[in-house]
Amino acid sequence: MSTTPPDGSEQPVAPPSPQVPPGYRPGDYIPYKDRDPSNPTAVAGQAAWSDQAQQQSQAYAAAHGPIDPYRALYGWDAPVRYETAPWGRRVLAYLFDSFLYAVALGPAILGYVFLVQELGRYTDQYGNTTLGPGFEPPSSSYPLIAVGLVMGFVFYIYNWCLRQGRTGYTLGKTVVGIKLVKDRNRKEPIGAGLAFVRQLAHFVDGLVCNLGYLWPIWDPKKQTFADKIMGTVVIIQPQDQPVDPAGYEAAPPPPAPPA
C-alpha cells in the first residue's frame, strides 16, 4: 500500500515498535536473557534508547549509586562490558606512580647529594679532586640514604604489589581510571603474590629496546609481555563507575513504569 497522499507529499513512516516478548506486558522489565538480540531493551515495548528507559536509569542511579552508560541503556542485569586501556593511559599511570616513588626515595636522593658534594670538597696539592686523606662524609648522609631506601621499598611493595594485587589499582591507575585484572574473566584482581611476580616479569619487557613496554600499542588486547606471561590485562575503569560493576547484577530491577 502506498503512503503517498493525493497531494503528492510523502507521509512519514513511524519506526516499528519493539516486539513485546511472550509472557510480558508493555512497560514490564525484561530480564536480559529474554530480550530480543536485535533490540535488547530493558523495558517491554520500548527502544533501549527511549526517554523513559533513560529516566528509569537516572532514578535507579540516584537511589543506588553510579551506573555505567552501557547498563543505563540495556538494563541492570546486562553483561558487563570491558574495554582494554590504551597505551597512553598506562604510561600516564606509570609516570604518576614513578613520581610518587621518587618522592618516597627523597631522603636517599638528598643524602646522596650531600655525599657527592662532600666528595668534591677535597682537592690535593696538584688541584685534583680525590678521596685521599682528610675525606669525611657528612654524618647525615648515610642515615638519610638508609631511611630513603626503606621508604622507597615500603612504597614499592604497598603500591605495586599489595594495593595493585588486592584491588587492581596502583595510585597512578586510580588517578587515570584503569585497573589490572585477570584476563580470563576481566573482573578479579590477581592478588599480592602474583602482582609481585608480575613486577619481576617486567624484566622481559625491558629486553630488546623495551619492546615489551611498547607492545600494547599494536597488540589486540593491549598487553605487555609481562601481561601475557601472567595472564593479565589492564581495563578502563572510569572513576564515576563502581569499583565492581558486577555488583549491579544482584540489584533488584526498578519498579515497572506507570501505565
Protein backbone atom coordinates (compact mmCIF):
# COMPACT_ATOMS: atom_id res chain seq x y z
CA MET A 1 0.00 0.00 0.00
CA SER A 2 1.34 3.44 -0.93
CA THR A 3 1.84 6.03 1.79
CA THR A 4 1.80 8.95 -0.70
CA PRO A 5 -1.39 11.09 -0.30
CA PRO A 6 -3.21 12.67 -3.28
CA ASP A 7 -1.31 15.96 -2.97
CA GLY A 8 1.93 14.13 -3.73
CA SER A 9 3.65 14.73 -0.38
CA GLU A 10 5.13 11.73 1.43
CA GLN A 11 3.60 10.52 4.65
CA PRO A 12 6.31 9.96 7.30
CA VAL A 13 6.51 6.38 8.42
CA ALA A 14 6.86 5.86 12.16
CA PRO A 15 9.52 3.32 13.21
CA PRO A 16 8.08 -0.05 14.22
CA SER A 17 7.55 -0.54 17.93
CA PRO A 18 9.79 -3.15 19.55
CA GLN A 19 8.15 -6.51 20.00
CA VAL A 20 6.99 -7.46 23.48
CA PRO A 21 8.36 -10.93 24.34
CA PRO A 22 5.80 -13.62 25.15
CA GLY A 23 4.70 -13.55 28.79
CA TYR A 24 5.37 -9.82 29.25
CA ARG A 25 3.21 -6.73 29.01
CA PRO A 26 4.25 -3.34 27.63
CA GLY A 27 6.23 -1.48 30.26
CA ASP A 28 7.45 -4.64 32.09
CA TYR A 29 11.12 -5.01 32.94
CA ILE A 30 12.57 -7.78 30.74
CA PRO A 31 15.50 -9.82 32.10
CA TYR A 32 18.46 -9.71 29.73
CA LYS A 33 18.19 -13.41 28.86
CA ASP A 34 14.65 -12.91 27.44
CA ARG A 35 15.35 -9.88 25.27
CA ASP A 36 15.41 -9.61 21.51
CA PRO A 37 19.09 -9.61 20.41
CA SER A 38 18.28 -7.04 17.74
CA ASN A 39 16.80 -4.67 20.35
CA PRO A 40 17.94 -5.64 23.85
CA THR A 41 15.75 -3.11 25.59
CA ALA A 42 15.12 -3.42 29.33
CA VAL A 43 11.54 -2.15 29.04
CA ALA A 44 8.98 -4.17 27.07
CA GLY A 45 7.64 -2.33 24.03
CA GLN A 46 10.26 0.43 24.11
CA ALA A 47 13.57 1.03 22.40
CA ALA A 48 16.63 0.73 24.59
CA TRP A 49 17.45 4.38 23.99
CA SER A 50 13.94 5.66 24.80
CA ASP A 51 13.50 8.61 27.12
CA GLN A 52 11.57 6.52 29.61
CA ALA A 53 14.34 3.91 29.84
CA GLN A 54 16.94 6.61 30.43
CA GLN A 55 14.75 8.28 33.08
CA GLN A 56 14.43 4.99 34.92
CA SER A 57 18.21 4.58 34.75
CA GLN A 58 18.70 8.03 36.25
CA ALA A 59 16.24 7.26 39.04
CA TYR A 60 17.98 3.96 39.78
CA ALA A 61 21.40 5.64 39.82
CA ALA A 62 20.12 8.29 42.24
CA ALA A 63 18.95 5.57 44.64
CA HIS A 64 21.76 3.01 44.28
CA GLY A 65 24.81 4.93 43.07
CA PRO A 66 26.54 5.44 39.69
CA ILE A 67 25.78 3.09 36.82
CA ASP A 68 27.78 2.67 33.65
CA PRO A 69 26.29 4.03 30.38
CA TYR A 70 26.01 0.56 28.83
CA ARG A 71 23.69 -0.66 31.58
CA ALA A 72 21.81 2.60 31.54
CA LEU A 73 20.68 1.63 28.04
CA TYR A 74 20.45 -2.15 28.26
CA GLY A 75 19.38 -2.83 31.85
CA TRP A 76 20.93 -3.63 35.20
CA ASP A 77 21.33 -7.35 34.57
CA ALA A 78 23.06 -6.92 31.19
CA PRO A 79 26.54 -8.48 30.96
CA VAL A 80 29.36 -6.17 31.96
CA ARG A 81 31.41 -4.94 29.01
CA TYR A 82 35.11 -4.17 29.37
CA GLU A 83 37.40 -2.03 27.27
CA THR A 84 41.16 -2.52 27.44
CA ALA A 85 43.18 0.51 28.48
CA PRO A 86 45.11 2.32 25.72
CA TRP A 87 48.88 2.55 25.90
CA GLY A 88 48.91 6.29 26.56
CA ARG A 89 46.72 5.92 29.63
CA ARG A 90 49.01 3.24 31.03
CA VAL A 91 52.02 5.49 30.50
CA LEU A 92 50.33 8.32 32.43
CA ALA A 93 49.64 5.95 35.33
CA TYR A 94 53.25 4.77 35.28
CA LEU A 95 54.60 8.34 35.31
CA PHE A 96 52.39 9.26 38.27
CA ASP A 97 53.46 6.16 40.20
CA SER A 98 57.12 6.85 39.37
CA PHE A 99 56.79 10.42 40.65
CA LEU A 100 55.39 9.18 43.97
CA TYR A 101 58.16 6.56 44.14
CA ALA A 102 60.76 9.30 43.65
CA VAL A 103 59.13 11.29 46.47
CA ALA A 104 59.40 8.24 48.75
CA LEU A 105 63.08 7.95 47.82
CA GLY A 106 63.57 11.67 48.53
CA PRO A 107 65.68 11.27 51.69
CA ALA A 108 68.02 8.84 49.91
CA ILE A 109 68.40 11.22 46.98
CA LEU A 110 69.11 14.10 49.36
CA GLY A 111 71.66 12.07 51.31
CA TYR A 112 73.41 11.07 48.09
CA VAL A 113 73.60 14.74 47.03
CA PHE A 114 75.23 15.64 50.37
CA LEU A 115 77.68 12.79 49.95
CA VAL A 116 78.66 13.81 46.42
CA GLN A 117 79.11 17.43 47.48
CA GLU A 118 81.46 16.36 50.27
CA LEU A 119 83.42 14.19 47.88
CA GLY A 120 84.08 17.21 45.70
CA ARG A 121 85.47 19.33 48.51
CA TYR A 122 88.82 17.59 48.95
CA THR A 123 91.46 18.72 46.48
CA ASP A 124 95.11 17.62 46.64
CA GLN A 125 98.14 19.87 46.18
CA TYR A 126 98.06 19.35 42.45
CA GLY A 127 94.46 20.57 42.16
CA ASN A 128 92.98 17.09 41.67
CA THR A 129 89.77 16.07 43.44
CA THR A 130 90.40 12.84 45.29
CA LEU A 131 89.19 10.60 48.11
CA GLY A 132 92.52 10.71 49.80
CA PRO A 133 93.33 11.51 53.44
CA GLY A 134 91.05 14.02 55.01
CA PHE A 135 87.81 12.80 53.42
CA GLU A 136 84.98 12.74 55.95
CA PRO A 137 81.47 12.07 54.65
CA PRO A 138 78.69 14.14 56.24
CA SER A 139 77.26 12.41 59.31
CA SER A 140 73.74 12.85 57.91
CA SER A 141 74.38 11.22 54.51
CA TYR A 142 74.18 7.55 55.41
CA PRO A 143 71.11 7.83 57.69
CA LEU A 144 69.27 9.78 55.00
CA ILE A 145 70.18 7.21 52.36
CA ALA A 146 69.07 4.35 54.64
CA VAL A 147 65.76 5.99 55.51
CA GLY A 148 65.06 6.84 51.86
CA LEU A 149 65.77 3.30 50.69
CA VAL A 150 63.44 1.87 53.33
CA MET A 151 60.69 4.34 52.41
CA GLY A 152 61.09 3.55 48.70
CA PHE A 153 60.95 -0.19 49.37
CA VAL A 154 57.83 0.12 51.53
CA PHE A 155 56.09 2.28 48.92
CA TYR A 156 57.04 -0.14 46.12
CA ILE A 157 55.64 -3.16 47.96
CA TYR A 158 52.48 -1.31 49.00
CA ASN A 159 51.67 0.36 45.67
CA TRP A 160 52.67 -2.19 43.04
CA CYS A 161 52.21 -5.44 44.98
CA LEU A 162 49.72 -5.12 47.86
CA ARG A 163 47.43 -2.37 46.57
CA GLN A 164 47.51 -3.39 42.92
CA GLY A 165 47.26 -7.08 43.71
CA ARG A 166 44.25 -6.74 46.03
CA THR A 167 42.26 -4.04 44.23
CA GLY A 168 43.70 -3.88 40.70
CA TYR A 169 44.78 -0.27 41.23
CA THR A 170 48.07 1.42 41.86
CA LEU A 171 47.75 5.04 42.91
CA GLY A 172 48.51 6.06 39.33
CA LYS A 173 45.94 3.66 37.90
CA THR A 174 43.36 5.08 40.28
CA VAL A 175 44.02 8.61 39.04
CA VAL A 176 43.71 7.75 35.32
CA GLY A 177 40.88 5.23 35.78
CA ILE A 178 42.40 1.89 34.74
CA LYS A 179 42.55 -1.45 36.52
CA LEU A 180 44.70 -4.60 36.40
CA VAL A 181 42.62 -7.81 36.33
CA LYS A 182 42.82 -11.44 35.26
CA ASP A 183 42.33 -11.89 31.54
CA ARG A 184 40.15 -14.97 31.91
CA ASN A 185 37.21 -13.08 33.43
CA ARG A 186 38.37 -9.44 33.39
CA LYS A 187 36.90 -8.94 36.83
CA GLU A 188 39.17 -10.33 39.58
CA PRO A 189 42.42 -8.74 40.81
CA ILE A 190 45.40 -11.09 40.70
CA GLY A 191 46.43 -10.97 44.36
CA ALA A 192 49.53 -9.55 46.04
CA GLY A 193 51.76 -12.55 45.37
CA LEU A 194 51.13 -12.68 41.63
CA ALA A 195 51.38 -8.89 41.46
CA PHE A 196 54.92 -9.19 42.83
CA VAL A 197 55.76 -11.90 40.31
CA ARG A 198 54.34 -9.70 37.55
CA GLN A 199 56.69 -6.92 38.59
CA LEU A 200 59.57 -9.36 38.18
CA ALA A 201 58.19 -10.37 34.78
CA HIS A 202 58.58 -6.77 33.62
CA PHE A 203 62.26 -7.67 33.21
CA VAL A 204 61.21 -9.39 29.99
CA ASP A 205 59.51 -6.18 28.82
CA GLY A 206 62.82 -4.35 29.13
CA LEU A 207 64.68 -6.72 26.82
CA VAL A 208 65.32 -5.77 23.20
CA CYS A 209 64.99 -1.97 23.45
CA ASN A 210 61.99 -2.09 25.85
CA LEU A 211 59.89 -3.76 23.15
CA GLY A 212 57.57 -5.33 25.73
CA TYR A 213 56.55 -1.95 27.09
CA LEU A 214 55.66 -0.78 23.57
CA TRP A 215 53.78 -3.96 22.65
CA PRO A 216 50.33 -2.70 23.84
CA ILE A 217 50.39 -0.09 21.07
CA TRP A 218 49.52 -2.71 18.43
CA ASP A 219 48.51 -5.76 20.49
CA PRO A 220 44.76 -6.65 20.21
CA LYS A 221 44.48 -6.98 24.00
CA LYS A 222 46.94 -4.12 24.65
CA GLN A 223 49.13 -6.43 26.76
CA THR A 224 52.81 -6.17 27.60
CA PHE A 225 54.94 -9.31 27.61
CA ALA A 226 54.54 -9.43 31.41
CA ASP A 227 50.73 -9.35 30.95
CA LYS A 228 50.88 -12.28 28.54
CA ILE A 229 53.13 -14.27 30.87
CA MET A 230 50.89 -13.65 33.89
CA GLY A 231 47.53 -13.79 32.06
CA THR A 232 46.56 -10.25 32.99
CA VAL A 233 45.01 -7.30 31.17
CA VAL A 234 44.51 -3.63 32.05
CA ILE A 235 40.95 -2.36 31.52
CA ILE A 236 39.34 1.06 31.64
CA GLN A 237 37.57 1.70 34.91
CA PRO A 238 36.25 5.28 34.97
CA GLN A 239 36.14 6.98 38.33
CA ASP A 240 32.39 7.61 38.09
CA GLN A 241 31.65 3.89 37.93
CA PRO A 242 31.54 1.43 40.83
CA VAL A 243 34.77 -0.41 41.59
CA ASP A 244 32.90 -3.67 40.99
CA PRO A 245 30.33 -3.12 38.21
CA ALA A 246 29.16 -6.73 38.64
CA GLY A 247 27.53 -5.64 41.88
CA TYR A 248 24.62 -4.33 39.87
CA GLU A 249 23.80 -7.86 38.73
CA ALA A 250 22.44 -8.65 42.19
CA ALA A 251 20.49 -5.43 42.50
CA PRO A 252 16.71 -5.68 42.13
CA PRO A 253 15.24 -4.26 38.93
CA PRO A 254 13.48 -0.91 39.15
CA PRO A 255 9.70 -0.85 39.53
CA ALA A 256 7.64 -1.12 36.37
CA PRO A 257 6.82 2.26 34.84
CA PRO A 258 3.30 3.54 35.37
CA ALA A 259 0.79 2.72 32.65
